[in-house]
Each structure stands twice: as structure tokens, then as C-alpha cells.
Amino acid sequence: ASHQEAIDLVGDDVGTPVVSVDGVAFFGPVVSPAP
């Protein structure tokens, strides 16, 4: 259920991380190194 919640927000052609801001979610940001 937790996993599906993320997928429902961004789709299944993503990975981790998923970040949601004000109900809008994205895969990422993917950063290296962490700013």
C-alpha cells in the first residue's frame, strides 16, 4: 500500500526516491553528492 501510494502519484517508470510537494510528486531529485 505504501509503495502503491508513490506509484499512484508518479507512475511505474520510476524508482526511488519519490518526493511529494503539496500533493505533486516526482521521481527524484537524483543528486550526487547531496547538496
PDB file of all heavy atoms in Angstrom:
ATOM      1  N   ALA A   1       0.837  -1.209   0.000  1.00  0.00           N
ATOM      2  CA  ALA A   1       0.000   0.000   0.000  1.00  0.00           C
ATOM      3  C   ALA A   1       0.867   1.253   0.000  1.00  0.00           C
ATOM      4  O   ALA A   1       0.593   2.210  -0.730  1.00  0.00           O
ATOM      5  CB  ALA A   1      -0.946  -0.005   1.195  1.00  0.00           C
ATOM      6  N   SER A   2       1.930   1.266   0.814  1.00  0.00           N
ATOM      7  CA  SER A   2       2.838   2.413   0.850  1.00  0.00           C
ATOM      8  C   SER A   2       3.527   2.586  -0.497  1.00  0.00           C
ATOM      9  O   SER A   2       3.622   3.692  -1.032  1.00  0.00           O
ATOM     10  CB  SER A   2       3.875   2.228   1.968  1.00  0.00           C
ATOM     11  OG  SER A   2       4.759   3.322   2.024  1.00  0.00           O
ATOM     12  N   HIS A   3       4.001   1.484  -1.043  1.00  0.00           N
ATOM     13  CA  HIS A   3       4.647   1.501  -2.359  1.00  0.00           C
ATOM     14  C   HIS A   3       3.673   2.011  -3.421  1.00  0.00           C
ATOM     15  O   HIS A   3       4.023   2.887  -4.226  1.00  0.00           O
ATOM     16  CB  HIS A   3       5.120   0.087  -2.699  1.00  0.00           C
ATOM     17  CG  HIS A   3       5.713  -0.041  -4.054  1.00  0.00           C
ATOM     18  ND1 HIS A   3       7.038   0.182  -4.308  1.00  0.00           N
ATOM     19  CD2 HIS A   3       5.145  -0.343  -5.253  1.00  0.00           C
ATOM     20  CE1 HIS A   3       7.273   0.012  -5.597  1.00  0.00           C
ATOM     21  NE2 HIS A   3       6.143  -0.308  -6.196  1.00  0.00           N
ATOM     22  N   GLN A   4       2.469   1.492  -3.411  1.00  0.00           N
ATOM     23  CA  GLN A   4       1.482   1.858  -4.427  1.00  0.00           C
ATOM     24  C   GLN A   4       1.101   3.325  -4.343  1.00  0.00           C
ATOM     25  O   GLN A   4       0.825   3.962  -5.358  1.00  0.00           O
ATOM     26  CB  GLN A   4       0.232   0.973  -4.322  1.00  0.00           C
ATOM     27  CG  GLN A   4      -0.701   1.118  -5.498  1.00  0.00           C
ATOM     28  CD  GLN A   4      -0.049   0.711  -6.812  1.00  0.00           C
ATOM     29  OE1 GLN A   4       0.585  -0.344  -6.907  1.00  0.00           O
ATOM     30  NE2 GLN A   4      -0.201   1.543  -7.833  1.00  0.00           N
ATOM     31  N   GLU A   5       1.111   3.867  -3.134  1.00  0.00           N
ATOM     32  CA  GLU A   5       0.811   5.288  -2.968  1.00  0.00           C
ATOM     33  C   GLU A   5       1.788   6.140  -3.783  1.00  0.00           C
ATOM     34  O   GLU A   5       1.382   7.092  -4.454  1.00  0.00           O
ATOM     35  CB  GLU A   5       0.880   5.655  -1.487  1.00  0.00           C
ATOM     36  CG  GLU A   5       0.417   7.030  -1.162  1.00  0.00           C
ATOM     37  CD  GLU A   5       0.428   7.308   0.325  1.00  0.00           C
ATOM     38  OE1 GLU A   5       1.097   6.588   1.088  1.00  0.00           O
ATOM     39  OE2 GLU A   5      -0.233   8.285   0.717  1.00  0.00           O
ATOM     40  N   ALA A   6       3.075   5.791  -3.739  1.00  0.00           N
ATOM     41  CA  ALA A   6       4.072   6.519  -4.525  1.00  0.00           C
ATOM     42  C   ALA A   6       3.844   6.311  -6.019  1.00  0.00           C
ATOM     43  O   ALA A   6       3.872   7.265  -6.795  1.00  0.00           O
ATOM     44  CB  ALA A   6       5.482   6.082  -4.139  1.00  0.00           C
ATOM     45  N   ILE A   7       3.598   5.079  -6.422  1.00  0.00           N
ATOM     46  CA  ILE A   7       3.396   4.766  -7.834  1.00  0.00           C
ATOM     47  C   ILE A   7       2.163   5.491  -8.378  1.00  0.00           C
ATOM     48  O   ILE A   7       2.165   5.995  -9.499  1.00  0.00           O
ATOM     49  CB  ILE A   7       3.284   3.244  -8.044  1.00  0.00           C
ATOM     50  CG1 ILE A   7       4.602   2.564  -7.652  1.00  0.00           C
ATOM     51  CG2 ILE A   7       2.885   2.899  -9.462  1.00  0.00           C
ATOM     52  CD1 ILE A   7       5.825   3.084  -8.362  1.00  0.00           C
ATOM     53  N   ASP A   8       1.114   5.557  -7.562  1.00  0.00           N
ATOM     54  CA  ASP A   8      -0.095   6.260  -7.999  1.00  0.00           C
ATOM     55  C   ASP A   8       0.183   7.743  -8.255  1.00  0.00           C
ATOM     56  O   ASP A   8      -0.470   8.363  -9.088  1.00  0.00           O
ATOM     57  CB  ASP A   8      -1.204   6.116  -6.958  1.00  0.00           C
ATOM     58  CG  ASP A   8      -1.801   4.716  -6.923  1.00  0.00           C
ATOM     59  OD1 ASP A   8      -1.545   3.918  -7.848  1.00  0.00           O
ATOM     60  OD2 ASP A   8      -2.518   4.418  -5.940  1.00  0.00           O
ATOM     61  N   LEU A   9       1.156   8.296  -7.539  1.00  0.00           N
ATOM     62  CA  LEU A   9       1.494   9.708  -7.710  1.00  0.00           C
ATOM     63  C   LEU A   9       2.405   9.976  -8.902  1.00  0.00           C
ATOM     64  O   LEU A   9       2.319  11.034  -9.530  1.00  0.00           O
ATOM     65  CB  LEU A   9       2.150  10.254  -6.441  1.00  0.00           C
ATOM     66  CG  LEU A   9       1.244  10.401  -5.222  1.00  0.00           C
ATOM     67  CD1 LEU A   9       2.069  10.708  -3.978  1.00  0.00           C
ATOM     68  CD2 LEU A   9       0.209  11.490  -5.461  1.00  0.00           C
ATOM     69  N   VAL A  10       3.302   9.028  -9.214  1.00  0.00           N
ATOM     70  CA  VAL A  10       4.315   9.305 -10.238  1.00  0.00           C
ATOM     71  C   VAL A  10       4.327   8.340 -11.421  1.00  0.00           C
ATOM     72  O   VAL A  10       5.010   8.595 -12.405  1.00  0.00           O
ATOM     73  CB  VAL A  10       5.742   9.357  -9.630  1.00  0.00           C
ATOM     74  CG1 VAL A  10       5.885  10.503  -8.680  1.00  0.00           C
ATOM     75  CG2 VAL A  10       6.111   8.042  -8.974  1.00  0.00           C
ATOM     76  N   GLY A  11       3.655   7.221 -11.327  1.00  0.00           N
ATOM     77  CA  GLY A  11       3.707   6.223 -12.394  1.00  0.00           C
ATOM     78  C   GLY A  11       4.742   5.157 -12.082  1.00  0.00           C
ATOM     79  O   GLY A  11       5.504   5.276 -11.128  1.00  0.00           O
ATOM     80  N   ASP A  12       4.767   4.105 -12.902  1.00  0.00           N
ATOM     81  CA  ASP A  12       5.643   2.977 -12.572  1.00  0.00           C
ATOM     82  C   ASP A  12       6.941   2.942 -13.365  1.00  0.00           C
ATOM     83  O   ASP A  12       7.691   1.985 -13.282  1.00  0.00           O
ATOM     84  CB  ASP A  12       4.899   1.654 -12.709  1.00  0.00           C
ATOM     85  CG  ASP A  12       4.458   1.366 -14.131  1.00  0.00           C
ATOM     86  OD1 ASP A  12       4.702   2.202 -15.021  1.00  0.00           O
ATOM     87  OD2 ASP A  12       3.868   0.304 -14.346  1.00  0.00           O
ATOM     88  N   ASP A  13       7.239   3.980 -14.131  1.00  0.00           N
ATOM     89  CA  ASP A  13       8.508   4.012 -14.858  1.00  0.00           C
ATOM     90  C   ASP A  13       9.522   4.872 -14.111  1.00  0.00           C
ATOM     91  O   ASP A  13      10.260   5.662 -14.696  1.00  0.00           O
ATOM     92  CB  ASP A  13       8.309   4.495 -16.299  1.00  0.00           C
ATOM     93  CG  ASP A  13       7.717   5.890 -16.385  1.00  0.00           C
ATOM     94  OD1 ASP A  13       7.166   6.367 -15.378  1.00  0.00           O
ATOM     95  OD2 ASP A  13       7.813   6.502 -17.465  1.00  0.00           O
ATOM     96  N   VAL A  14       9.552   4.714 -12.795  1.00  0.00           N
ATOM     97  CA  VAL A  14      10.432   5.472 -11.914  1.00  0.00           C
ATOM     98  C   VAL A  14      11.131   4.517 -10.959  1.00  0.00           C
ATOM     99  O   VAL A  14      10.996   3.307 -11.067  1.00  0.00           O
ATOM    100  CB  VAL A  14       9.643   6.534 -11.106  1.00  0.00           C
ATOM    101  CG1 VAL A  14       8.972   7.528 -12.028  1.00  0.00           C
ATOM    102  CG2 VAL A  14       8.632   5.875 -10.192  1.00  0.00           C
ATOM    103  N   GLY A  15      11.839   5.071 -10.023  1.00  0.00           N
ATOM    104  CA  GLY A  15      12.455   4.307  -8.951  1.00  0.00           C
ATOM    105  C   GLY A  15      12.374   5.121  -7.680  1.00  0.00           C
ATOM    106  O   GLY A  15      11.457   5.921  -7.516  1.00  0.00           O
ATOM    107  N   THR A  16      13.338   4.932  -6.802  1.00  0.00           N
ATOM    108  CA  THR A  16      13.393   5.753  -5.597  1.00  0.00           C
ATOM    109  C   THR A  16      14.531   6.744  -5.785  1.00  0.00           C
ATOM    110  O   THR A  16      15.514   6.426  -6.452  1.00  0.00           O
ATOM    111  CB  THR A  16      13.618   4.926  -4.322  1.00  0.00           C
ATOM    112  OG1 THR A  16      14.881   4.297  -4.383  1.00  0.00           O
ATOM    113  CG2 THR A  16      12.535   3.914  -4.122  1.00  0.00           C
ATOM    114  N   PRO A  17      14.395   7.897  -5.225  1.00  0.00           N
ATOM    115  CA  PRO A  17      13.365   8.384  -4.315  1.00  0.00           C
ATOM    116  C   PRO A  17      12.174   8.973  -5.062  1.00  0.00           C
ATOM    117  O   PRO A  17      12.275   9.343  -6.228  1.00  0.00           O
ATOM    118  CB  PRO A  17      14.085   9.498  -3.564  1.00  0.00           C
ATOM    119  CG  PRO A  17      15.002  10.077  -4.606  1.00  0.00           C
ATOM    120  CD  PRO A  17      15.478   8.887  -5.411  1.00  0.00           C
ATOM    121  N   VAL A  18      11.057   9.070  -4.346  1.00  0.00           N
ATOM    122  CA  VAL A  18       9.900   9.829  -4.800  1.00  0.00           C
ATOM    123  C   VAL A  18       9.647  10.891  -3.742  1.00  0.00           C
ATOM    124  O   VAL A  18       9.592  10.591  -2.551  1.00  0.00           O
ATOM    125  CB  VAL A  18       8.658   8.937  -4.998  1.00  0.00           C
ATOM    126  CG1 VAL A  18       7.407   9.777  -5.208  1.00  0.00           C
ATOM    127  CG2 VAL A  18       8.878   7.974  -6.162  1.00  0.00           C
ATOM    128  N   VAL A  19       9.536  12.123  -4.178  1.00  0.00           N
ATOM    129  CA  VAL A  19       9.291  13.248  -3.279  1.00  0.00           C
ATOM    130  C   VAL A  19       7.996  13.918  -3.706  1.00  0.00           C
ATOM    131  O   VAL A  19       7.789  14.185  -4.899  1.00  0.00           O
ATOM    132  CB  VAL A  19      10.464  14.261  -3.316  1.00  0.00           C
ATOM    133  CG1 VAL A  19      10.138  15.501  -2.515  1.00  0.00           C
ATOM    134  CG2 VAL A  19      11.740  13.607  -2.796  1.00  0.00           C
ATOM    135  N   SER A  20       7.131  14.179  -2.745  1.00  0.00           N
ATOM    136  CA  SER A  20       5.868  14.862  -3.000  1.00  0.00           C
ATOM    137  C   SER A  20       5.875  16.212  -2.296  1.00  0.00           C
ATOM    138  O   SER A  20       6.216  16.297  -1.116  1.00  0.00           O
ATOM    139  CB  SER A  20       4.696  14.014  -2.479  1.00  0.00           C
ATOM    140  OG  SER A  20       3.477  14.704  -2.635  1.00  0.00           O
ATOM    141  N   VAL A  21       5.519  17.246  -3.046  1.00  0.00           N
ATOM    142  CA  VAL A  21       5.431  18.604  -2.514  1.00  0.00           C
ATOM    143  C   VAL A  21       4.025  19.110  -2.807  1.00  0.00           C
ATOM    144  O   VAL A  21       3.636  19.195  -3.974  1.00  0.00           O
ATOM    145  CB  VAL A  21       6.478  19.535  -3.169  1.00  0.00           C
ATOM    146  CG1 VAL A  21       6.315  20.956  -2.678  1.00  0.00           C
ATOM    147  CG2 VAL A  21       7.882  19.023  -2.933  1.00  0.00           C
ATOM    148  N   ASP A  22       3.285  19.409  -1.760  1.00  0.00           N
ATOM    149  CA  ASP A  22       1.922  19.920  -1.917  1.00  0.00           C
ATOM    150  C   ASP A  22       1.075  19.036  -2.836  1.00  0.00           C
ATOM    151  O   ASP A  22       0.327  19.531  -3.686  1.00  0.00           O
ATOM    152  CB  ASP A  22       1.938  21.361  -2.441  1.00  0.00           C
ATOM    153  CG  ASP A  22       2.588  22.323  -1.451  1.00  0.00           C
ATOM    154  OD1 ASP A  22       2.477  22.082  -0.228  1.00  0.00           O
ATOM    155  OD2 ASP A  22       3.204  23.309  -1.901  1.00  0.00           O
ATOM    156  N   GLY A  23       1.234  17.713  -2.690  1.00  0.00           N
ATOM    157  CA  GLY A  23       0.428  16.777  -3.458  1.00  0.00           C
ATOM    158  C   GLY A  23       0.926  16.475  -4.859  1.00  0.00           C
ATOM    159  O   GLY A  23       0.341  15.664  -5.564  1.00  0.00           O
ATOM    160  N   VAL A  24       2.001  17.125  -5.282  1.00  0.00           N
ATOM    161  CA  VAL A  24       2.611  16.858  -6.591  1.00  0.00           C
ATOM    162  C   VAL A  24       3.900  16.093  -6.343  1.00  0.00           C
ATOM    163  O   VAL A  24       4.760  16.552  -5.599  1.00  0.00           O
ATOM    164  CB  VAL A  24       2.904  18.166  -7.357  1.00  0.00           C
ATOM    165  CG1 VAL A  24       3.591  17.864  -8.679  1.00  0.00           C
ATOM    166  CG2 VAL A  24       1.623  18.954  -7.574  1.00  0.00           C
ATOM    167  N   ALA A  25       4.021  14.922  -6.960  1.00  0.00           N
ATOM    168  CA  ALA A  25       5.170  14.061  -6.697  1.00  0.00           C
ATOM    169  C   ALA A  25       6.047  13.913  -7.931  1.00  0.00           C
ATOM    170  O   ALA A  25       5.573  13.981  -9.066  1.00  0.00           O
ATOM    171  CB  ALA A  25       4.705  12.698  -6.218  1.00  0.00           C
ATOM    172  N   PHE A  26       7.328  13.701  -7.654  1.00  0.00           N
ATOM    173  CA  PHE A  26       8.326  13.481  -8.691  1.00  0.00           C
ATOM    174  C   PHE A  26       9.232  12.329  -8.283  1.00  0.00           C
ATOM    175  O   PHE A  26       9.464  12.112  -7.103  1.00  0.00           O
ATOM    176  CB  PHE A  26       9.240  14.710  -8.859  1.00  0.00           C
ATOM    177  CG  PHE A  26       8.528  15.961  -9.242  1.00  0.00           C
ATOM    178  CD1 PHE A  26       8.287  16.954  -8.311  1.00  0.00           C
ATOM    179  CD2 PHE A  26       8.101  16.165 -10.547  1.00  0.00           C
ATOM    180  CE1 PHE A  26       7.649  18.125  -8.654  1.00  0.00           C
ATOM    181  CE2 PHE A  26       7.451  17.331 -10.905  1.00  0.00           C
ATOM    182  CZ  PHE A  26       7.222  18.312  -9.960  1.00  0.00           C
ATOM    183  N   PHE A  27       9.762  11.632  -9.289  1.00  0.00           N
ATOM    184  CA  PHE A  27      10.905  10.755  -9.059  1.00  0.00           C
ATOM    185  C   PHE A  27      12.105  11.678  -8.927  1.00  0.00           C
ATOM    186  O   PHE A  27      12.391  12.468  -9.806  1.00  0.00           O
ATOM    187  CB  PHE A  27      11.071   9.794 -10.236  1.00  0.00           C
ATOM    188  CG  PHE A  27      12.413   9.113 -10.275  1.00  0.00           C
ATOM    189  CD1 PHE A  27      12.888   8.406  -9.195  1.00  0.00           C
ATOM    190  CD2 PHE A  27      13.191   9.187 -11.412  1.00  0.00           C
ATOM    191  CE1 PHE A  27      14.126   7.773  -9.241  1.00  0.00           C
ATOM    192  CE2 PHE A  27      14.429   8.558 -11.471  1.00  0.00           C
ATOM    193  CZ  PHE A  27      14.894   7.851 -10.380  1.00  0.00           C
ATOM    194  N   GLY A  28      12.761  11.611  -7.790  1.00  0.00           N
ATOM    195  CA  GLY A  28      13.911  12.461  -7.565  1.00  0.00           C
ATOM    196  C   GLY A  28      13.605  13.559  -6.582  1.00  0.00           C
ATOM    197  O   GLY A  28      12.571  13.518  -5.920  1.00  0.00           O
ATOM    198  N   PRO A  29      14.470  14.519  -6.460  1.00  0.00           N
ATOM    199  CA  PRO A  29      15.636  14.706  -7.309  1.00  0.00           C
ATOM    200  C   PRO A  29      16.727  13.663  -7.030  1.00  0.00           C
ATOM    201  O   PRO A  29      16.920  13.246  -5.902  1.00  0.00           O
ATOM    202  CB  PRO A  29      16.126  16.106  -6.942  1.00  0.00           C
ATOM    203  CG  PRO A  29      15.635  16.350  -5.562  1.00  0.00           C
ATOM    204  CD  PRO A  29      14.358  15.574  -5.441  1.00  0.00           C
ATOM    205  N   VAL A  30      17.382  13.252  -8.098  1.00  0.00           N
ATOM    206  CA  VAL A  30      18.519  12.352  -8.025  1.00  0.00           C
ATOM    207  C   VAL A  30      19.756  13.237  -8.036  1.00  0.00           C
ATOM    208  O   VAL A  30      19.998  13.943  -9.013  1.00  0.00           O
ATOM    209  CB  VAL A  30      18.514  11.366  -9.213  1.00  0.00           C
ATOM    210  CG1 VAL A  30      19.775  10.523  -9.221  1.00  0.00           C
ATOM    211  CG2 VAL A  30      17.263  10.491  -9.154  1.00  0.00           C
ATOM    212  N   VAL A  31      20.478  13.244  -6.930  1.00  0.00           N
ATOM    213  CA  VAL A  31      21.607  14.158  -6.753  1.00  0.00           C
ATOM    214  C   VAL A  31      22.836  13.405  -6.275  1.00  0.00           C
ATOM    215  O   VAL A  31      22.731  12.414  -5.561  1.00  0.00           O
ATOM    216  CB  VAL A  31      21.263  15.285  -5.749  1.00  0.00           C
ATOM    217  CG1 VAL A  31      20.206  16.207  -6.308  1.00  0.00           C
ATOM    218  CG2 VAL A  31      20.810  14.718  -4.415  1.00  0.00           C
ATOM    219  N   SER A  32      23.994  13.885  -6.678  1.00  0.00           N
ATOM    220  CA  SER A  32      25.244  13.291  -6.230  1.00  0.00           C
ATOM    221  C   SER A  32      26.351  14.324  -6.343  1.00  0.00           C
ATOM    222  O   SER A  32      26.624  14.802  -7.436  1.00  0.00           O
ATOM    223  CB  SER A  32      25.598  12.077  -7.096  1.00  0.00           C
ATOM    224  OG  SER A  32      26.748  11.434  -6.611  1.00  0.00           O
ATOM    225  N   PRO A  33      26.907  14.700  -5.206  1.00  0.00           N
ATOM    226  CA  PRO A  33      26.549  14.335  -3.832  1.00  0.00           C
ATOM    227  C   PRO A  33      25.315  15.111  -3.375  1.00  0.00           C
ATOM    228  O   PRO A  33      24.803  15.978  -4.097  1.00  0.00           O
ATOM    229  CB  PRO A  33      27.776  14.760  -3.031  1.00  0.00           C
ATOM    230  CG  PRO A  33      28.326  15.926  -3.787  1.00  0.00           C
ATOM    231  CD  PRO A  33      28.061  15.617  -5.244  1.00  0.00           C
ATOM    232  N   ALA A  34      24.859  14.803  -2.176  1.00  0.00           N
ATOM    233  CA  ALA A  34      23.711  15.513  -1.605  1.00  0.00           C
ATOM    234  C   ALA A  34      24.092  16.969  -1.381  1.00  0.00           C
ATOM    235  O   ALA A  34      25.080  17.262  -0.709  1.00  0.00           O
ATOM    236  CB  ALA A  34      23.305  14.873  -0.282  1.00  0.00           C
ATOM    237  N   PRO A  35      23.333  17.905  -1.962  1.00  0.00           N
ATOM    238  CA  PRO A  35      23.667  19.318  -1.757  1.00  0.00           C
ATOM    239  C   PRO A  35      23.417  19.741  -0.314  1.00  0.00           C
ATOM    240  O   PRO A  35      22.557  19.192   0.368  1.00  0.00           O
ATOM    241  CB  PRO A  35      22.741  20.062  -2.718  1.00  0.00           C
ATOM    242  CG  PRO A  35      21.720  19.099  -3.156  1.00  0.00           C
ATOM    243  CD  PRO A  35      22.194  17.728  -2.844  1.00  0.00           C
TER     244      PRO A  35
END
